[in-house]
Amino acid sequence: MTVKDNYDRPIISFRMSITNRCNVNCLYCHHDGMLPSSEEMTPDEIAKISEVAKTLGVKKIRISGGEPLIRKDIVEIIDKINKIGFKDISITTNGTYLAKYAEDLKDAGLNRVNVSLDTLNRDTYKFITHKDYLQSVKEGILKAVDVGLYPVKINMVLMKDINQDEVWEMFDFCREHGLILQIIELMESESCEDNNVFSKKYHYNINPIEEKLAKIADGVKVREFMQDRRKYYIGNGEIEIVKPMDNTRFCKNCSRLRLTPSGKIKPCLLRNDNLTDIIGPLRNGASDDELREIFLTGINKREPYYNDNRQ
């Protein structure tokens, strides 16, 4: 039975950030404090936390970072999670190590992958990431397709005066290789003044793009339990629109719980003031029942960030 929070929202998806280390330096990244690799959760600890989540009805696990593939034990982590028996295991990655790990990850039980890629232009890629890894990322994407990590989704954050004119080029690339394109509107950050200044400068309203998609699409699907996101089908291609999470519908349908790299349960993507530590008790010998109660404490802290009084 799936546990629900105090607002009758089921906890279906558990998103675990297993490191905040990364090998690129994207313009829009929040750059949260660095946790030394020696202090990161071990594969066994990640597996134990996942086991407890499974007893609460969690069906899907997504692994993220930082850059999760920067961890040399990433295949072991996926293997241990897979043996627990989740419906779906996915990873969000920048793709730089994907060619190296794709086949082993598939064999270990990974179902699918999201790759963050904002441009196919080498100079623009270097401007956004401060690195020159574009070719490696493209090779990783094609390797993921080849080994059957389906669907491979491309997460493209649109930024004014940087890549807003590259949508259709990216869509053609995705359509050619059987990928799904997710167009993401840059979100304003309230947690960091520098990031907020950046988002205001580079924010690009994607409504005109969606209006064009609505006119030319062969079909449209509304994802009711994903904040009414719309998928547009054009020929053999698919584009999904992801808008900022500043609406009550997003919160009303939220079914996700998160885990920070430092081992704290994070009830809400947009808050850092209501975390619940689970790795400390785990390392101090907490029983499964005690860990379950810690999970429930975190779940009971969940409340809609946006509601009728804050829109």
Protein backbone atom coordinates (compact mmCIF):
# COMPACT_ATOMS: atom_id res chain seq x y z
CA MET A 1 0.00 0.00 0.00
CA THR A 2 1.30 3.42 -0.97
CA VAL A 3 1.66 5.93 1.87
CA LYS A 4 0.03 9.33 1.40
CA ASP A 5 0.97 12.64 2.98
CA ASN A 6 -1.36 14.87 4.96
CA TYR A 7 -2.72 16.34 1.71
CA ASP A 8 -3.74 12.93 0.33
CA ARG A 9 -0.83 12.87 -2.14
CA PRO A 10 0.66 9.38 -2.67
CA ILE A 11 4.44 8.97 -2.54
CA ILE A 12 5.19 7.13 -5.76
CA SER A 13 8.59 8.45 -6.85
CA PHE A 14 11.79 8.74 -4.82
CA ARG A 15 14.54 10.92 -6.29
CA MET A 16 17.95 10.31 -4.78
CA SER A 17 20.83 12.68 -5.33
CA ILE A 18 23.87 10.48 -4.67
CA THR A 19 26.55 13.14 -5.10
CA ASN A 20 26.85 16.87 -5.59
CA ARG A 21 30.16 16.48 -7.41
CA CYS A 22 30.07 17.30 -11.11
CA ASN A 23 32.54 17.49 -13.98
CA VAL A 24 30.84 20.40 -15.75
CA ASN A 25 30.00 23.87 -14.51
CA CYS A 26 26.69 24.87 -16.07
CA LEU A 27 25.64 28.50 -15.99
CA TYR A 28 22.32 27.82 -14.28
CA CYS A 29 23.50 25.28 -11.70
CA HIS A 30 22.88 26.18 -8.05
CA HIS A 31 26.37 24.97 -7.09
CA ASP A 32 25.36 23.64 -3.69
CA GLY A 33 28.19 22.99 -1.22
CA MET A 34 30.59 20.20 -2.10
CA LEU A 35 30.34 16.98 -0.11
CA PRO A 36 33.63 15.01 -0.08
CA SER A 37 33.37 11.64 -1.77
CA SER A 38 34.45 9.99 1.50
CA GLU A 39 31.25 11.27 3.13
CA GLU A 40 28.85 10.25 0.38
CA MET A 41 26.34 7.50 1.00
CA THR A 42 27.70 4.04 0.24
CA PRO A 43 25.96 1.63 -2.15
CA ASP A 44 24.74 -0.41 0.83
CA GLU A 45 23.37 2.69 2.55
CA ILE A 46 21.59 3.79 -0.63
CA ALA A 47 20.15 0.29 -0.99
CA LYS A 48 18.91 0.21 2.61
CA ILE A 49 17.20 3.58 2.25
CA SER A 50 15.65 2.36 -1.01
CA GLU A 51 14.39 -0.80 0.71
CA VAL A 52 12.60 1.25 3.33
CA ALA A 53 11.11 3.48 0.62
CA LYS A 54 9.79 0.37 -1.11
CA THR A 55 7.91 -0.69 2.04
CA LEU A 56 6.08 2.66 1.93
CA GLY A 57 4.81 2.05 -1.59
CA VAL A 58 7.45 3.88 -3.63
CA LYS A 59 7.43 2.43 -7.15
CA LYS A 60 9.96 4.53 -9.03
CA ILE A 61 13.54 5.49 -8.27
CA ARG A 62 15.44 8.25 -10.05
CA ILE A 63 19.15 8.72 -9.43
CA SER A 64 20.67 12.16 -9.90
CA GLY A 65 23.52 14.38 -8.71
CA GLY A 66 25.54 16.49 -9.25
CA GLU A 67 26.64 14.05 -11.89
CA PRO A 68 25.79 10.52 -10.71
CA LEU A 69 28.06 8.79 -13.22
CA ILE A 70 31.05 10.52 -11.64
CA ARG A 71 30.78 7.85 -8.93
CA LYS A 72 32.91 4.83 -9.80
CA ASP A 73 30.47 2.57 -7.94
CA ILE A 74 27.42 3.71 -9.94
CA VAL A 75 26.87 0.29 -11.54
CA GLU A 76 26.96 -1.36 -8.11
CA ILE A 77 24.42 1.18 -6.83
CA ILE A 78 22.00 0.45 -9.68
CA ASP A 79 22.47 -3.29 -9.24
CA LYS A 80 21.62 -3.14 -5.54
CA ILE A 81 18.55 -0.94 -6.14
CA ASN A 82 17.37 -3.20 -8.95
CA LYS A 83 17.39 -6.26 -6.71
CA ILE A 84 14.84 -4.57 -4.43
CA GLY A 85 12.19 -4.77 -7.16
CA PHE A 86 11.10 -1.30 -8.23
CA LYS A 87 8.84 -0.73 -11.22
CA ASP A 88 11.19 1.80 -12.79
CA ILE A 89 14.80 2.91 -12.22
CA SER A 90 16.14 5.92 -14.10
CA ILE A 91 19.10 8.29 -14.05
CA THR A 92 19.52 11.95 -14.91
CA THR A 93 23.02 12.62 -16.22
CA ASN A 94 24.99 15.15 -18.23
CA GLY A 95 26.00 12.26 -20.47
CA THR A 96 29.75 12.72 -20.39
CA TYR A 97 30.36 9.23 -18.98
CA LEU A 98 27.34 7.58 -20.55
CA ALA A 99 29.20 5.84 -23.36
CA LYS A 100 31.45 4.23 -20.77
CA TYR A 101 28.68 3.00 -18.47
CA ALA A 102 25.52 2.61 -20.59
CA GLU A 103 25.80 -1.12 -21.27
CA ASP A 104 26.81 -2.02 -17.71
CA LEU A 105 24.02 0.14 -16.30
CA LYS A 106 21.49 -1.56 -18.55
CA ASP A 107 22.76 -4.98 -17.45
CA ALA A 108 22.56 -3.87 -13.80
CA GLY A 109 18.87 -3.02 -14.14
CA LEU A 110 18.65 0.62 -15.22
CA ASN A 111 15.51 1.16 -17.27
CA ARG A 112 15.96 4.57 -18.82
CA VAL A 113 18.00 7.76 -18.83
CA ASN A 114 17.52 11.53 -19.08
CA VAL A 115 20.44 13.46 -20.54
CA SER A 116 20.87 17.17 -19.89
CA LEU A 117 21.89 18.70 -23.21
CA ASP A 118 21.04 22.30 -24.05
CA THR A 119 22.73 22.66 -27.43
CA LEU A 120 24.32 20.80 -30.34
CA ASN A 121 26.65 23.70 -31.05
CA ARG A 122 30.14 23.12 -29.70
CA ASP A 123 30.88 26.77 -28.88
CA THR A 124 27.52 27.20 -27.15
CA TYR A 125 28.07 23.98 -25.22
CA LYS A 126 31.42 25.27 -23.99
CA PHE A 127 29.82 28.58 -23.02
CA ILE A 128 27.08 26.87 -21.00
CA THR A 129 29.16 24.13 -19.34
CA HIS A 130 32.68 25.63 -19.41
CA LYS A 131 33.82 22.27 -20.83
CA ASP A 132 34.38 20.73 -24.26
CA TYR A 133 32.52 17.43 -23.84
CA LEU A 134 29.83 17.73 -26.50
CA GLN A 135 31.13 14.91 -28.69
CA SER A 136 31.39 12.56 -25.71
CA VAL A 137 27.81 13.39 -24.72
CA LYS A 138 26.49 12.65 -28.21
CA GLU A 139 28.37 9.35 -28.24
CA GLY A 140 26.89 8.50 -24.85
CA ILE A 141 23.36 9.25 -26.02
CA LEU A 142 23.72 6.99 -29.04
CA LYS A 143 25.23 4.26 -26.89
CA ALA A 144 22.29 4.46 -24.50
CA VAL A 145 19.89 4.05 -27.41
CA ASP A 146 21.94 1.16 -28.76
CA VAL A 147 21.85 -0.82 -25.50
CA GLY A 148 18.12 -0.27 -25.02
CA LEU A 149 17.86 2.35 -22.26
CA TYR A 150 14.46 3.45 -23.53
CA PRO A 151 13.20 6.03 -23.67
CA VAL A 152 16.22 8.31 -23.75
CA LYS A 153 15.03 11.81 -22.96
CA ILE A 154 16.95 14.99 -23.71
CA ASN A 155 16.46 17.79 -21.18
CA MET A 156 16.98 21.12 -22.93
CA VAL A 157 16.84 24.27 -20.79
CA LEU A 158 16.04 27.28 -22.96
CA MET A 159 17.96 30.50 -22.30
CA LYS A 160 17.43 33.85 -23.98
CA ASP A 161 20.24 34.90 -26.33
CA ILE A 162 21.98 31.56 -25.80
CA ASN A 163 20.03 28.67 -27.29
CA GLN A 164 16.40 29.70 -27.81
CA ASP A 165 16.82 29.43 -31.59
CA GLU A 166 18.08 25.83 -31.46
CA VAL A 167 14.86 24.03 -30.55
CA TRP A 168 14.08 22.70 -34.01
CA GLU A 169 17.66 21.60 -34.62
CA MET A 170 17.55 19.66 -31.36
CA PHE A 171 14.16 18.23 -32.25
CA ASP A 172 15.49 16.98 -35.60
CA PHE A 173 18.42 15.34 -33.78
CA CYS A 174 16.05 13.67 -31.33
CA ARG A 175 13.67 12.52 -34.02
CA GLU A 176 16.51 11.08 -36.07
CA HIS A 177 17.77 8.96 -33.17
CA GLY A 178 14.49 8.01 -31.49
CA LEU A 179 14.87 10.37 -28.53
CA ILE A 180 12.22 12.33 -26.64
CA LEU A 181 12.88 16.06 -26.29
CA GLN A 182 11.89 17.89 -23.11
CA ILE A 183 11.90 21.67 -23.46
CA ILE A 184 12.43 23.20 -20.02
CA GLU A 185 11.70 26.81 -19.15
CA LEU A 186 14.40 28.35 -16.97
CA MET A 187 13.19 28.62 -13.42
CA GLU A 188 13.82 31.62 -11.20
CA SER A 189 15.72 30.81 -8.03
CA GLU A 190 14.81 32.30 -4.67
CA SER A 191 17.60 30.45 -2.84
CA CYS A 192 20.58 32.28 -4.33
CA GLU A 193 20.83 35.93 -5.35
CA ASP A 194 23.35 35.22 -8.13
CA ASN A 195 21.17 32.50 -9.63
CA ASN A 196 18.13 34.73 -9.41
CA VAL A 197 19.95 37.48 -11.31
CA PHE A 198 20.99 34.92 -13.92
CA SER A 199 17.50 33.54 -14.35
CA LYS A 200 16.01 37.00 -14.77
CA LYS A 201 18.62 37.87 -17.41
CA TYR A 202 18.34 34.65 -19.41
CA HIS A 203 14.72 33.64 -18.82
CA TYR A 204 12.95 32.82 -22.07
CA ASN A 205 9.18 32.50 -22.23
CA ILE A 206 8.43 29.22 -23.99
CA ASN A 207 4.71 29.91 -24.49
CA PRO A 208 5.18 30.93 -28.17
CA ILE A 209 6.96 27.63 -28.83
CA GLU A 210 4.14 25.70 -27.22
CA GLU A 211 1.58 27.66 -29.23
CA LYS A 212 3.39 26.70 -32.43
CA LEU A 213 3.57 23.06 -31.34
CA ALA A 214 -0.17 23.07 -30.67
CA LYS A 215 -0.80 24.20 -34.25
CA ILE A 216 1.46 21.72 -36.02
CA ALA A 217 1.23 18.64 -33.79
CA ASP A 218 -0.38 15.48 -35.05
CA GLY A 219 -1.46 14.68 -31.51
CA VAL A 220 -1.31 16.04 -27.95
CA LYS A 221 -1.30 14.20 -24.64
CA VAL A 222 -1.89 15.91 -21.30
CA ARG A 223 -0.02 14.31 -18.38
CA GLU A 224 -2.55 14.97 -15.63
CA PHE A 225 -0.35 13.70 -12.79
CA MET A 226 2.70 15.54 -14.10
CA GLN A 227 1.40 19.06 -13.55
CA ASP A 228 -0.66 18.93 -16.76
CA ARG A 229 2.46 18.83 -18.90
CA ARG A 230 1.72 18.46 -22.57
CA LYS A 231 3.39 16.08 -24.99
CA TYR A 232 3.26 17.05 -28.65
CA TYR A 233 3.63 14.39 -31.33
CA ILE A 234 4.94 15.52 -34.71
CA GLY A 235 5.51 12.76 -37.22
CA ASN A 236 7.75 10.25 -35.48
CA GLY A 237 8.97 12.84 -32.96
CA GLU A 238 7.86 13.80 -29.47
CA ILE A 239 8.32 17.04 -27.51
CA GLU A 240 7.29 17.57 -23.92
CA ILE A 241 7.00 21.05 -22.40
CA VAL A 242 8.21 21.58 -18.83
CA LYS A 243 7.29 24.92 -17.30
CA PRO A 244 8.39 26.44 -13.98
CA MET A 245 6.76 24.93 -10.93
CA ASP A 246 5.04 28.09 -9.76
CA ASN A 247 1.47 26.90 -9.75
CA THR A 248 -0.94 25.14 -7.46
CA ARG A 249 -1.49 22.26 -9.91
CA PHE A 250 2.16 21.31 -9.65
CA CYS A 251 1.96 21.00 -5.89
CA LYS A 252 -1.48 19.40 -5.86
CA ASN A 253 -0.28 16.46 -7.96
CA CYS A 254 3.25 16.13 -6.57
CA SER A 255 4.03 12.50 -5.75
CA ARG A 256 7.79 12.82 -5.27
CA LEU A 257 10.04 12.61 -2.27
CA ARG A 258 13.72 13.46 -2.48
CA LEU A 259 16.98 12.55 -0.79
CA THR A 260 19.91 14.97 -0.67
CA PRO A 261 23.54 13.91 -1.24
CA SER A 262 24.12 14.32 2.51
CA GLY A 263 21.43 11.75 3.31
CA LYS A 264 18.52 13.97 4.29
CA ILE A 265 14.93 13.43 3.23
CA LYS A 266 13.75 16.50 1.32
CA PRO A 267 9.95 16.81 1.26
CA CYS A 268 9.82 19.70 -1.23
CA LEU A 269 11.99 20.63 -4.20
CA LEU A 270 11.62 24.33 -3.43
CA ARG A 271 12.50 24.23 0.28
CA ASN A 272 15.59 23.43 2.32
CA ASP A 273 14.27 24.32 5.77
CA ASN A 274 12.34 21.12 6.49
CA LEU A 275 14.85 18.33 5.88
CA THR A 276 14.94 15.12 7.92
CA ASP A 277 18.24 13.34 8.48
CA ILE A 278 18.16 9.60 7.75
CA ILE A 279 21.81 8.77 7.07
CA GLY A 280 22.89 9.71 10.61
CA PRO A 281 20.46 7.31 12.30
CA LEU A 282 21.25 4.62 9.71
CA ARG A 283 24.98 4.87 10.46
CA ASN A 284 24.20 4.76 14.17
CA GLY A 285 22.42 1.42 13.85
CA ALA A 286 18.77 2.42 13.46
CA SER A 287 16.44 -0.51 12.83
CA ASP A 288 14.24 -0.84 9.76
CA ASP A 289 11.22 0.20 11.82
CA GLU A 290 13.06 3.28 13.07
CA LEU A 291 14.12 4.18 9.52
CA ARG A 292 10.53 3.78 8.40
CA GLU A 293 9.40 6.21 11.10
CA ILE A 294 12.03 8.70 9.91
CA PHE A 295 10.62 8.40 6.40
CA LEU A 296 7.12 9.02 7.72
CA THR A 297 8.35 12.08 9.61
CA GLY A 298 9.72 13.46 6.35
CA ILE A 299 6.52 12.65 4.49
CA ASN A 300 4.43 14.34 7.17
CA LYS A 301 6.43 17.54 6.60
CA ARG A 302 5.20 17.70 3.02
CA GLU A 303 2.89 20.58 2.24
CA PRO A 304 2.10 22.37 -1.03
CA TYR A 305 4.67 25.13 -1.58
CA TYR A 306 2.21 26.89 -3.86
CA ASN A 307 -1.36 27.04 -2.69
CA ASP A 308 -4.35 29.33 -3.06
CA ASN A 309 -2.64 31.91 -0.84
CA ARG A 310 0.68 31.81 -2.71
CA GLN A 311 0.61 31.79 -6.52
